[in-house]
Amino acid sequence: MVPIPSLWLPVLLSAVIVFLASWIAHAVLPHHKNDVKHVPAEDAFLEAVRKLDLPPGDYMAPRPSSMAAMKNPEFVEKRKRGPVVIMTVIPGGPPSMGKELGQWFLFTIVVGIFAAYITGHAVEVGAPYLRVMRFAGATAFFCYSIAQFPESIWYKRSWATTFKNMFDGLIYGLLTGGVFGWLWPR
């Protein structure tokens, strides 16, 4: 067994590399450019939503109040007429991503810790590069990617967006596995 504290360098370095790779994926490469669509008549839409004074949170309309209410003819008719809306409201203000970037970096560290934990229990000191990479990379891939499926299953996120995010997760997993394989204790 390899203890997590002895793997602090691959955890941190893989977090930095994944953070930079995610910046490239979202700010430089074009594949995420159309992940979200523009709302037609955006100004009218925003004004209508603004009048509702919704606090930040996740919303669905129409939304039944219970499982039994899903059979209510009024709800069924609203659902049939559409549209069905699932949206997240965030506070207004000047654009700023500092908090989100900090949380993302913290998440990449957490993924690295999971990769260290699983790989440290599965692979011995001095193991070959590819064996380490396989465990650490697969763990990181699962952490970055598998949770994308419920977003498309339950919240109807575009499957194309889900698969693009999973592809990013594969790259992040390979990078994490590569760093762990390179810096694995000998």
N, C-alpha and C. Protein backbone atom coordinates (compact mmCIF):
# COMPACT_ATOMS: atom_id res chain seq x y z
N MET A 1 0.84 -1.19 0.00
CA MET A 1 0.00 0.00 0.00
C MET A 1 0.88 1.25 0.00
N VAL A 2 0.46 2.23 -0.78
CA VAL A 2 1.17 3.51 -0.82
C VAL A 2 0.26 4.55 -0.16
N PRO A 3 0.67 5.17 0.94
CA PRO A 3 -0.20 6.12 1.65
C PRO A 3 -0.41 7.42 0.85
N ILE A 4 -1.60 7.97 0.99
CA ILE A 4 -1.97 9.20 0.27
C ILE A 4 -0.98 10.34 0.52
N PRO A 5 -0.54 10.61 1.76
CA PRO A 5 0.39 11.73 1.96
C PRO A 5 1.67 11.64 1.13
N SER A 6 2.11 10.42 0.82
CA SER A 6 3.33 10.29 0.01
C SER A 6 3.06 10.59 -1.47
N LEU A 7 1.80 10.79 -1.81
CA LEU A 7 1.42 11.07 -3.20
C LEU A 7 0.96 12.52 -3.38
N TRP A 8 1.37 13.40 -2.48
CA TRP A 8 0.93 14.79 -2.56
C TRP A 8 1.38 15.46 -3.86
N LEU A 9 2.56 15.14 -4.36
CA LEU A 9 3.06 15.79 -5.57
C LEU A 9 2.23 15.38 -6.80
N PRO A 10 1.97 14.08 -7.05
CA PRO A 10 1.12 13.76 -8.20
C PRO A 10 -0.30 14.30 -8.05
N VAL A 11 -0.83 14.34 -6.82
CA VAL A 11 -2.17 14.91 -6.61
C VAL A 11 -2.19 16.37 -7.04
N LEU A 12 -1.24 17.16 -6.54
CA LEU A 12 -1.22 18.59 -6.85
C LEU A 12 -0.86 18.87 -8.31
N LEU A 13 0.15 18.17 -8.83
CA LEU A 13 0.55 18.42 -10.21
C LEU A 13 -0.54 18.00 -11.19
N SER A 14 -1.19 16.88 -10.93
CA SER A 14 -2.28 16.47 -11.83
C SER A 14 -3.43 17.47 -11.76
N ALA A 15 -3.69 18.03 -10.57
CA ALA A 15 -4.75 19.04 -10.45
C ALA A 15 -4.41 20.27 -11.28
N VAL A 16 -3.18 20.72 -11.23
CA VAL A 16 -2.76 21.89 -12.01
C VAL A 16 -2.88 21.60 -13.50
N ILE A 17 -2.41 20.44 -13.93
CA ILE A 17 -2.45 20.09 -15.35
C ILE A 17 -3.89 19.95 -15.84
N VAL A 18 -4.74 19.30 -15.07
CA VAL A 18 -6.15 19.18 -15.46
C VAL A 18 -6.81 20.55 -15.49
N PHE A 19 -6.51 21.39 -14.52
CA PHE A 19 -7.07 22.75 -14.49
C PHE A 19 -6.70 23.49 -15.78
N LEU A 20 -5.45 23.40 -16.19
CA LEU A 20 -5.01 24.06 -17.43
C LEU A 20 -5.64 23.41 -18.66
N ALA A 21 -5.75 22.08 -18.66
CA ALA A 21 -6.39 21.39 -19.80
C ALA A 21 -7.85 21.78 -19.91
N SER A 22 -8.53 21.95 -18.77
CA SER A 22 -9.95 22.35 -18.82
C SER A 22 -10.09 23.78 -19.33
N TRP A 23 -9.13 24.63 -19.01
CA TRP A 23 -9.15 25.99 -19.56
C TRP A 23 -9.01 25.93 -21.08
N ILE A 24 -8.09 25.12 -21.56
CA ILE A 24 -7.91 24.97 -23.01
C ILE A 24 -9.19 24.44 -23.64
N ALA A 25 -9.80 23.43 -23.02
CA ALA A 25 -11.01 22.82 -23.57
C ALA A 25 -12.17 23.81 -23.66
N HIS A 26 -12.29 24.69 -22.68
CA HIS A 26 -13.44 25.59 -22.64
C HIS A 26 -13.17 26.99 -23.19
N ALA A 27 -11.93 27.44 -23.18
CA ALA A 27 -11.64 28.81 -23.61
C ALA A 27 -10.95 28.88 -24.97
N VAL A 28 -10.30 27.81 -25.37
CA VAL A 28 -9.52 27.86 -26.61
C VAL A 28 -10.15 26.98 -27.69
N LEU A 29 -10.40 25.72 -27.38
CA LEU A 29 -10.94 24.80 -28.38
C LEU A 29 -12.42 25.10 -28.64
N PRO A 30 -12.91 24.81 -29.84
CA PRO A 30 -14.28 25.19 -30.17
C PRO A 30 -15.37 24.19 -29.79
N HIS A 31 -15.03 23.02 -29.27
CA HIS A 31 -16.05 21.98 -29.12
C HIS A 31 -17.12 22.27 -28.05
N HIS A 32 -16.91 23.20 -27.15
CA HIS A 32 -17.95 23.54 -26.16
C HIS A 32 -18.70 24.82 -26.52
N LYS A 33 -18.39 25.39 -27.66
CA LYS A 33 -18.96 26.68 -28.06
C LYS A 33 -20.49 26.69 -28.06
N ASN A 34 -21.11 25.58 -28.45
CA ASN A 34 -22.57 25.54 -28.57
C ASN A 34 -23.24 24.65 -27.53
N ASP A 35 -22.62 24.50 -26.37
CA ASP A 35 -23.21 23.65 -25.32
C ASP A 35 -24.54 24.20 -24.82
N VAL A 36 -24.68 25.50 -24.76
CA VAL A 36 -25.95 26.11 -24.36
C VAL A 36 -26.42 27.02 -25.50
N LYS A 37 -27.73 27.08 -25.65
CA LYS A 37 -28.31 27.85 -26.75
C LYS A 37 -28.75 29.22 -26.27
N HIS A 38 -28.84 30.15 -27.21
CA HIS A 38 -29.39 31.47 -26.92
C HIS A 38 -30.91 31.37 -26.88
N VAL A 39 -31.54 32.09 -25.96
CA VAL A 39 -33.00 32.15 -25.89
C VAL A 39 -33.47 33.18 -26.92
N PRO A 40 -34.41 32.80 -27.80
CA PRO A 40 -34.96 33.81 -28.71
C PRO A 40 -35.65 34.91 -27.89
N ALA A 41 -35.62 36.11 -28.38
CA ALA A 41 -36.20 37.25 -27.66
C ALA A 41 -35.66 37.30 -26.23
N GLU A 42 -34.34 37.25 -26.12
CA GLU A 42 -33.67 37.17 -24.82
C GLU A 42 -34.09 38.30 -23.88
N ASP A 43 -34.15 39.53 -24.38
CA ASP A 43 -34.51 40.66 -23.51
C ASP A 43 -35.91 40.49 -22.92
N ALA A 44 -36.87 40.07 -23.74
CA ALA A 44 -38.24 39.86 -23.25
C ALA A 44 -38.28 38.72 -22.24
N PHE A 45 -37.55 37.66 -22.52
CA PHE A 45 -37.48 36.52 -21.60
C PHE A 45 -36.91 36.95 -20.26
N LEU A 46 -35.77 37.66 -20.30
CA LEU A 46 -35.14 38.09 -19.06
C LEU A 46 -36.03 39.03 -18.27
N GLU A 47 -36.72 39.91 -18.95
CA GLU A 47 -37.63 40.84 -18.26
C GLU A 47 -38.76 40.07 -17.59
N ALA A 48 -39.31 39.08 -18.28
CA ALA A 48 -40.40 38.27 -17.70
C ALA A 48 -39.92 37.51 -16.47
N VAL A 49 -38.72 36.92 -16.55
CA VAL A 49 -38.19 36.16 -15.41
C VAL A 49 -37.81 37.13 -14.28
N ARG A 50 -37.26 38.27 -14.63
CA ARG A 50 -36.86 39.27 -13.62
C ARG A 50 -38.07 39.69 -12.77
N LYS A 51 -39.22 39.84 -13.41
CA LYS A 51 -40.44 40.25 -12.70
C LYS A 51 -40.86 39.21 -11.65
N LEU A 52 -40.49 37.97 -11.84
CA LEU A 52 -40.83 36.92 -10.88
C LEU A 52 -39.99 37.00 -9.62
N ASP A 53 -38.87 37.71 -9.67
CA ASP A 53 -37.97 37.88 -8.53
C ASP A 53 -37.60 36.53 -7.90
N LEU A 54 -37.19 35.60 -8.76
CA LEU A 54 -36.83 34.26 -8.29
C LEU A 54 -35.50 34.30 -7.55
N PRO A 55 -35.44 33.72 -6.37
CA PRO A 55 -34.15 33.61 -5.70
C PRO A 55 -33.30 32.57 -6.43
N PRO A 56 -31.98 32.64 -6.30
CA PRO A 56 -31.12 31.65 -6.96
C PRO A 56 -31.54 30.23 -6.57
N GLY A 57 -31.51 29.35 -7.56
CA GLY A 57 -31.88 27.96 -7.32
C GLY A 57 -32.24 27.26 -8.62
N ASP A 58 -32.64 26.01 -8.49
CA ASP A 58 -33.05 25.20 -9.63
C ASP A 58 -34.57 25.17 -9.69
N TYR A 59 -35.10 25.31 -10.90
CA TYR A 59 -36.55 25.40 -11.09
C TYR A 59 -37.00 24.49 -12.22
N MET A 60 -38.27 24.05 -12.12
CA MET A 60 -38.89 23.26 -13.17
C MET A 60 -40.32 23.73 -13.32
N ALA A 61 -40.76 23.85 -14.57
CA ALA A 61 -42.16 24.21 -14.82
C ALA A 61 -42.61 23.49 -16.09
N PRO A 62 -43.77 22.88 -16.08
CA PRO A 62 -44.60 22.67 -14.89
C PRO A 62 -43.95 21.63 -13.98
N ARG A 63 -44.25 21.78 -12.70
CA ARG A 63 -43.69 20.87 -11.70
C ARG A 63 -44.82 20.36 -10.83
N PRO A 64 -44.98 19.03 -10.78
CA PRO A 64 -46.03 18.49 -9.91
C PRO A 64 -45.62 18.59 -8.45
N SER A 65 -46.60 18.68 -7.58
CA SER A 65 -46.29 18.79 -6.15
C SER A 65 -46.04 17.43 -5.51
N SER A 66 -46.39 16.35 -6.21
CA SER A 66 -46.18 15.00 -5.69
C SER A 66 -46.24 14.01 -6.85
N MET A 67 -45.91 12.76 -6.57
CA MET A 67 -46.02 11.72 -7.60
C MET A 67 -47.47 11.57 -8.06
N ALA A 68 -48.39 11.64 -7.10
CA ALA A 68 -49.80 11.51 -7.45
C ALA A 68 -50.26 12.66 -8.35
N ALA A 69 -49.72 13.84 -8.12
CA ALA A 69 -50.11 15.01 -8.92
C ALA A 69 -49.68 14.88 -10.38
N MET A 70 -48.76 13.96 -10.67
CA MET A 70 -48.35 13.75 -12.06
C MET A 70 -49.48 13.20 -12.91
N LYS A 71 -50.49 12.61 -12.25
CA LYS A 71 -51.65 12.06 -12.97
C LYS A 71 -52.80 13.05 -13.05
N ASN A 72 -52.67 14.17 -12.38
CA ASN A 72 -53.70 15.20 -12.39
C ASN A 72 -53.90 15.68 -13.84
N PRO A 73 -55.13 15.70 -14.34
CA PRO A 73 -55.38 16.12 -15.72
C PRO A 73 -54.84 17.52 -16.04
N GLU A 74 -54.89 18.44 -15.08
CA GLU A 74 -54.36 19.78 -15.33
C GLU A 74 -52.85 19.74 -15.57
N PHE A 75 -52.15 18.96 -14.73
CA PHE A 75 -50.70 18.84 -14.91
C PHE A 75 -50.39 18.16 -16.24
N VAL A 76 -51.10 17.07 -16.55
CA VAL A 76 -50.87 16.34 -17.79
C VAL A 76 -51.07 17.27 -18.99
N GLU A 77 -52.10 18.10 -18.95
CA GLU A 77 -52.36 19.03 -20.05
C GLU A 77 -51.25 20.08 -20.17
N LYS A 78 -50.81 20.64 -19.04
CA LYS A 78 -49.71 21.60 -19.07
C LYS A 78 -48.46 20.96 -19.69
N ARG A 79 -48.21 19.74 -19.28
CA ARG A 79 -47.02 19.03 -19.77
C ARG A 79 -47.13 18.76 -21.28
N LYS A 80 -48.33 18.37 -21.72
CA LYS A 80 -48.53 18.10 -23.15
C LYS A 80 -48.39 19.38 -23.97
N ARG A 81 -48.93 20.48 -23.47
CA ARG A 81 -48.86 21.75 -24.21
C ARG A 81 -47.43 22.28 -24.28
N GLY A 82 -46.66 22.05 -23.22
CA GLY A 82 -45.27 22.51 -23.20
C GLY A 82 -45.20 24.01 -23.17
N PRO A 83 -44.05 24.56 -23.11
CA PRO A 83 -42.79 23.85 -22.97
C PRO A 83 -42.59 23.37 -21.54
N VAL A 84 -41.69 22.44 -21.38
CA VAL A 84 -41.24 22.02 -20.05
C VAL A 84 -39.89 22.69 -19.86
N VAL A 85 -39.75 23.41 -18.75
CA VAL A 85 -38.55 24.20 -18.52
C VAL A 85 -37.84 23.71 -17.27
N ILE A 86 -36.55 23.47 -17.41
CA ILE A 86 -35.68 23.20 -16.27
C ILE A 86 -34.59 24.24 -16.36
N MET A 87 -34.45 25.06 -15.32
CA MET A 87 -33.46 26.13 -15.38
C MET A 87 -32.83 26.37 -14.02
N THR A 88 -31.66 26.95 -14.06
CA THR A 88 -30.96 27.35 -12.85
C THR A 88 -30.85 28.86 -12.87
N VAL A 89 -31.25 29.49 -11.80
CA VAL A 89 -31.15 30.94 -11.66
C VAL A 89 -29.96 31.23 -10.76
N ILE A 90 -29.06 32.09 -11.24
CA ILE A 90 -27.92 32.51 -10.44
C ILE A 90 -28.03 34.01 -10.21
N PRO A 91 -27.40 34.54 -9.19
CA PRO A 91 -27.51 35.98 -8.90
C PRO A 91 -26.95 36.81 -10.05
N GLY A 92 -27.56 37.97 -10.28
CA GLY A 92 -27.04 38.91 -11.26
C GLY A 92 -25.79 39.59 -10.72
N GLY A 93 -25.13 40.31 -11.59
CA GLY A 93 -23.92 41.03 -11.20
C GLY A 93 -22.90 40.95 -12.31
N PRO A 94 -21.81 41.68 -12.15
CA PRO A 94 -20.78 41.64 -13.19
C PRO A 94 -20.20 40.24 -13.34
N PRO A 95 -19.82 39.86 -14.58
CA PRO A 95 -19.25 38.53 -14.77
C PRO A 95 -17.98 38.35 -13.94
N SER A 96 -17.93 37.23 -13.24
CA SER A 96 -16.77 36.89 -12.44
C SER A 96 -16.76 35.39 -12.26
N MET A 97 -15.63 34.77 -12.48
CA MET A 97 -15.55 33.31 -12.36
C MET A 97 -14.55 32.88 -11.29
N GLY A 98 -14.07 33.81 -10.49
CA GLY A 98 -13.06 33.48 -9.49
C GLY A 98 -13.49 32.38 -8.54
N LYS A 99 -14.68 32.50 -7.98
CA LYS A 99 -15.17 31.50 -7.02
C LYS A 99 -15.32 30.14 -7.71
N GLU A 100 -15.91 30.14 -8.91
CA GLU A 100 -16.12 28.89 -9.62
C GLU A 100 -14.79 28.23 -10.00
N LEU A 101 -13.82 29.03 -10.44
CA LEU A 101 -12.50 28.48 -10.77
C LEU A 101 -11.82 27.90 -9.54
N GLY A 102 -11.96 28.58 -8.41
CA GLY A 102 -11.41 28.06 -7.16
C GLY A 102 -12.05 26.74 -6.76
N GLN A 103 -13.38 26.65 -6.92
CA GLN A 103 -14.08 25.41 -6.60
C GLN A 103 -13.68 24.29 -7.56
N TRP A 104 -13.51 24.64 -8.84
CA TRP A 104 -13.09 23.65 -9.82
C TRP A 104 -11.69 23.11 -9.48
N PHE A 105 -10.77 24.01 -9.12
CA PHE A 105 -9.43 23.56 -8.76
C PHE A 105 -9.48 22.66 -7.53
N LEU A 106 -10.27 23.02 -6.53
CA LEU A 106 -10.43 22.18 -5.35
C LEU A 106 -10.97 20.81 -5.74
N PHE A 107 -11.94 20.79 -6.68
CA PHE A 107 -12.48 19.51 -7.16
C PHE A 107 -11.40 18.67 -7.83
N THR A 108 -10.52 19.29 -8.62
CA THR A 108 -9.45 18.53 -9.27
C THR A 108 -8.50 17.92 -8.23
N ILE A 109 -8.31 18.62 -7.13
CA ILE A 109 -7.50 18.07 -6.03
C ILE A 109 -8.21 16.88 -5.40
N VAL A 110 -9.52 17.00 -5.18
CA VAL A 110 -10.30 15.90 -4.61
C VAL A 110 -10.23 14.67 -5.52
N VAL A 111 -10.36 14.89 -6.83
CA VAL A 111 -10.23 13.77 -7.77
C VAL A 111 -8.85 13.14 -7.65
N GLY A 112 -7.81 13.96 -7.56
CA GLY A 112 -6.46 13.44 -7.37
C GLY A 112 -6.32 12.62 -6.10
N ILE A 113 -6.99 13.05 -5.03
CA ILE A 113 -6.94 12.30 -3.77
C ILE A 113 -7.63 10.94 -3.93
N PHE A 114 -8.77 10.92 -4.64
CA PHE A 114 -9.42 9.63 -4.90
C PHE A 114 -8.52 8.73 -5.74
N ALA A 115 -7.89 9.31 -6.76
CA ALA A 115 -6.96 8.54 -7.59
C ALA A 115 -5.81 8.00 -6.74
N ALA A 116 -5.30 8.82 -5.83
CA ALA A 116 -4.21 8.39 -4.94
C ALA A 116 -4.68 7.27 -4.03
N TYR A 117 -5.87 7.40 -3.47
CA TYR A 117 -6.40 6.40 -2.54
C TYR A 117 -6.55 5.04 -3.23
N ILE A 118 -7.24 5.04 -4.37
CA ILE A 118 -7.51 3.77 -5.05
C ILE A 118 -6.22 3.17 -5.62
N THR A 119 -5.43 4.00 -6.27
CA THR A 119 -4.19 3.49 -6.85
C THR A 119 -3.23 3.05 -5.75
N GLY A 120 -3.17 3.81 -4.66
CA GLY A 120 -2.29 3.45 -3.55
C GLY A 120 -2.65 2.14 -2.90
N HIS A 121 -3.93 1.74 -2.96
CA HIS A 121 -4.34 0.45 -2.42
C HIS A 121 -4.19 -0.69 -3.44
N ALA A 122 -4.15 -0.35 -4.71
CA ALA A 122 -4.12 -1.39 -5.75
C ALA A 122 -2.73 -1.65 -6.29
N VAL A 123 -1.85 -0.67 -6.16
CA VAL A 123 -0.54 -0.76 -6.81
C VAL A 123 0.56 -0.55 -5.78
N GLU A 124 1.59 -1.36 -5.88
CA GLU A 124 2.68 -1.30 -4.91
C GLU A 124 3.73 -0.25 -5.31
N VAL A 125 4.57 0.11 -4.36
CA VAL A 125 5.70 0.99 -4.63
C VAL A 125 6.56 0.34 -5.72
N GLY A 126 7.02 1.16 -6.66
CA GLY A 126 7.89 0.67 -7.71
C GLY A 126 7.16 0.00 -8.87
N ALA A 127 5.84 0.07 -8.89
CA ALA A 127 5.07 -0.57 -9.96
C ALA A 127 5.37 0.11 -11.30
N PRO A 128 5.21 -0.62 -12.40
CA PRO A 128 5.48 -0.04 -13.71
C PRO A 128 4.51 1.11 -14.04
N TYR A 129 5.01 2.03 -14.85
CA TYR A 129 4.26 3.23 -15.26
C TYR A 129 2.83 2.90 -15.72
N LEU A 130 2.69 1.96 -16.64
CA LEU A 130 1.37 1.68 -17.22
C LEU A 130 0.38 1.12 -16.20
N ARG A 131 0.87 0.34 -15.25
CA ARG A 131 -0.03 -0.20 -14.21
C ARG A 131 -0.56 0.93 -13.33
N VAL A 132 0.33 1.84 -12.96
CA VAL A 132 -0.09 3.00 -12.16
C VAL A 132 -1.04 3.87 -12.97
N MET A 133 -0.66 4.15 -14.21
CA MET A 133 -1.50 5.01 -15.05
C MET A 133 -2.89 4.43 -15.22
N ARG A 134 -2.99 3.12 -15.40
CA ARG A 134 -4.29 2.48 -15.60
C ARG A 134 -5.22 2.71 -14.41
N PHE A 135 -4.72 2.51 -13.20
CA PHE A 135 -5.57 2.68 -12.02
C PHE A 135 -5.90 4.15 -11.76
N ALA A 136 -4.89 5.00 -11.77
CA ALA A 136 -5.11 6.42 -11.49
C ALA A 136 -5.95 7.07 -12.60
N GLY A 137 -5.65 6.72 -13.84
CA GLY A 137 -6.38 7.30 -14.97
C GLY A 137 -7.84 6.87 -14.99
N ALA A 138 -8.10 5.60 -14.75
CA ALA A 138 -9.49 5.12 -14.74
C ALA A 138 -10.27 5.76 -13.60
N THR A 139 -9.64 5.86 -12.44
CA THR A 139 -10.32 6.50 -11.30
C THR A 139 -10.67 7.95 -11.62
N ALA A 140 -9.71 8.68 -12.16
CA ALA A 140 -9.96 10.09 -12.49
C ALA A 140 -11.01 10.20 -13.58
N PHE A 141 -10.95 9.35 -14.60
CA PHE A 141 -11.96 9.37 -15.66
C PHE A 141 -13.35 9.19 -15.08
N PHE A 142 -13.52 8.20 -14.21
CA PHE A 142 -14.83 7.98 -13.60
C PHE A 142 -15.28 9.19 -12.79
N CYS A 143 -14.38 9.77 -12.04
CA CYS A 143 -14.73 10.94 -11.24
C CYS A 143 -15.17 12.11 -12.12
N TYR A 144 -14.47 12.35 -13.21
CA TYR A 144 -14.79 13.48 -14.07
C TYR A 144 -15.96 13.22 -15.01
N SER A 145 -16.28 11.96 -15.29
CA SER A 145 -17.19 11.68 -16.40
C SER A 145 -18.52 11.02 -16.06
N ILE A 146 -18.53 10.04 -15.23
CA ILE A 146 -19.73 9.21 -15.07
C ILE A 146 -20.94 10.01 -14.59
N ALA A 147 -20.75 10.98 -13.75
CA ALA A 147 -21.88 11.77 -13.24
C ALA A 147 -22.54 12.63 -14.32
N GLN A 148 -21.96 12.67 -15.52
CA GLN A 148 -22.58 13.43 -16.61
C GLN A 148 -23.87 12.78 -17.08
N PHE A 149 -23.98 11.46 -17.03
CA PHE A 149 -25.15 10.75 -17.54
C PHE A 149 -26.47 11.19 -16.92
N PRO A 150 -26.58 11.30 -15.59
CA PRO A 150 -27.87 11.71 -15.02
C PRO A 150 -28.35 13.08 -15.53
N GLU A 151 -27.44 13.97 -15.89
CA GLU A 151 -27.85 15.28 -16.40
C GLU A 151 -28.64 15.12 -17.70
N SER A 152 -28.25 14.18 -18.54
CA SER A 152 -29.00 13.94 -19.78
C SER A 152 -30.21 13.06 -19.55
N ILE A 153 -30.10 12.10 -18.65
CA ILE A 153 -31.21 11.19 -18.38
C ILE A 153 -32.37 11.94 -17.73
N TRP A 154 -32.11 12.67 -16.66
CA TRP A 154 -33.19 13.28 -15.89
C TRP A 154 -33.47 14.73 -16.24
N TYR A 155 -32.47 15.48 -16.62
CA TYR A 155 -32.67 16.91 -16.86
C TYR A 155 -32.59 17.28 -18.33
N LYS A 156 -32.53 16.25 -19.19
CA LYS A 156 -32.60 16.41 -20.65
C LYS A 156 -31.49 17.28 -21.23
N ARG A 157 -30.35 17.34 -20.57
CA ARG A 157 -29.20 18.02 -21.17
C ARG A 157 -28.89 17.30 -22.47
N SER A 158 -28.45 18.03 -23.43
CA SER A 158 -28.09 17.46 -24.73
C SER A 158 -27.10 16.32 -24.53
N TRP A 159 -27.36 15.18 -25.19
CA TRP A 159 -26.43 14.07 -25.12
C TRP A 159 -25.09 14.45 -25.74
N ALA A 160 -25.13 15.32 -26.74
CA ALA A 160 -23.87 15.77 -27.35
C ALA A 160 -23.00 16.47 -26.31
N THR A 161 -23.61 17.33 -25.49
CA THR A 161 -22.87 18.02 -24.44
C THR A 161 -22.33 17.01 -23.42
N THR A 162 -23.15 16.04 -23.05
CA THR A 162 -22.71 15.02 -22.10
C THR A 162 -21.50 14.27 -22.65
N PHE A 163 -21.54 13.86 -23.91
CA PHE A 163 -20.42 13.11 -24.47
C PHE A 163 -19.19 13.98 -24.66
N LYS A 164 -19.38 15.27 -24.95
CA LYS A 164 -18.21 16.17 -25.02
C LYS A 164 -17.58 16.30 -23.64
N ASN A 165 -18.40 16.44 -22.60
CA ASN A 165 -17.86 16.52 -21.24
C ASN A 165 -17.17 15.23 -20.84
N MET A 166 -17.71 14.10 -21.28
CA MET A 166 -17.06 12.82 -20.98
C MET A 166 -15.74 12.68 -21.73
N PHE A 167 -15.69 13.18 -22.95
CA PHE A 167 -14.42 13.18 -23.70
C PHE A 167 -13.39 14.01 -22.95
N ASP A 168 -13.81 15.19 -22.46
CA ASP A 168 -12.90 16.01 -21.64
C ASP A 168 -12.44 15.20 -20.44
N GLY A 169 -13.38 14.49 -19.79
CA GLY A 169 -13.04 13.67 -18.62
C GLY A 169 -12.04 12.57 -18.96
N LEU A 170 -12.14 12.03 -20.17
CA LEU A 170 -11.17 11.03 -20.61
C LEU A 170 -9.78 11.65 -20.71
N ILE A 171 -9.70 12.85 -21.30
CA ILE A 171 -8.42 13.55 -21.39
C ILE A 171 -7.88 13.84 -20.00
N TYR A 172 -8.75 14.34 -19.10
CA TYR A 172 -8.31 14.64 -17.74
C TYR A 172 -7.83 13.37 -17.03
N GLY A 173 -8.54 12.26 -17.26
CA GLY A 173 -8.14 10.99 -16.66
C GLY A 173 -6.78 10.52 -17.17
N LEU A 174 -6.56 10.65 -18.49
CA LEU A 174 -5.28 10.27 -19.06
C LEU A 174 -4.15 11.15 -18.51
N LEU A 175 -4.42 12.44 -18.39
CA LEU A 175 -3.40 13.34 -17.84
C LEU A 175 -3.09 13.00 -16.39
N THR A 176 -4.14 12.74 -15.60
CA THR A 176 -3.95 12.38 -14.20
C THR A 176 -3.18 11.07 -14.10
N GLY A 177 -3.59 10.07 -14.88
CA GLY A 177 -2.89 8.79 -14.87
C GLY A 177 -1.43 8.94 -15.28
N GLY A 178 -1.17 9.79 -16.28
CA GLY A 178 0.19 10.02 -16.72
C GLY A 178 1.06 10.63 -15.65
N VAL A 179 0.51 11.61 -14.94
CA VAL A 179 1.27 12.25 -13.85
C VAL A 179 1.55 11.25 -12.73
N PHE A 180 0.53 10.47 -12.36
CA PHE A 180 0.74 9.47 -11.31
C PHE A 180 1.77 8.43 -11.73
N GLY A 181 1.69 7.97 -12.99
CA GLY A 181 2.66 6.99 -13.47
C GLY A 181 4.09 7.55 -13.45
N TRP A 182 4.22 8.79 -13.83
CA TRP A 182 5.53 9.45 -13.88
C TRP A 182 6.13 9.65 -12.50
N LEU A 183 5.27 10.07 -11.52
CA LEU A 183 5.77 10.44 -10.19
C LEU A 183 5.54 9.36 -9.13
N TRP A 184 5.17 8.16 -9.57
CA TRP A 184 4.89 7.08 -8.61
C TRP A 184 6.17 6.73 -7.84
N PRO A 185 6.05 6.53 -6.53
CA PRO A 185 7.24 6.19 -5.72
C PRO A 185 7.94 4.93 -6.24
N ARG A 186 9.25 5.01 -6.32
CA ARG A 186 10.04 3.86 -6.84
C ARG A 186 10.65 3.09 -5.71
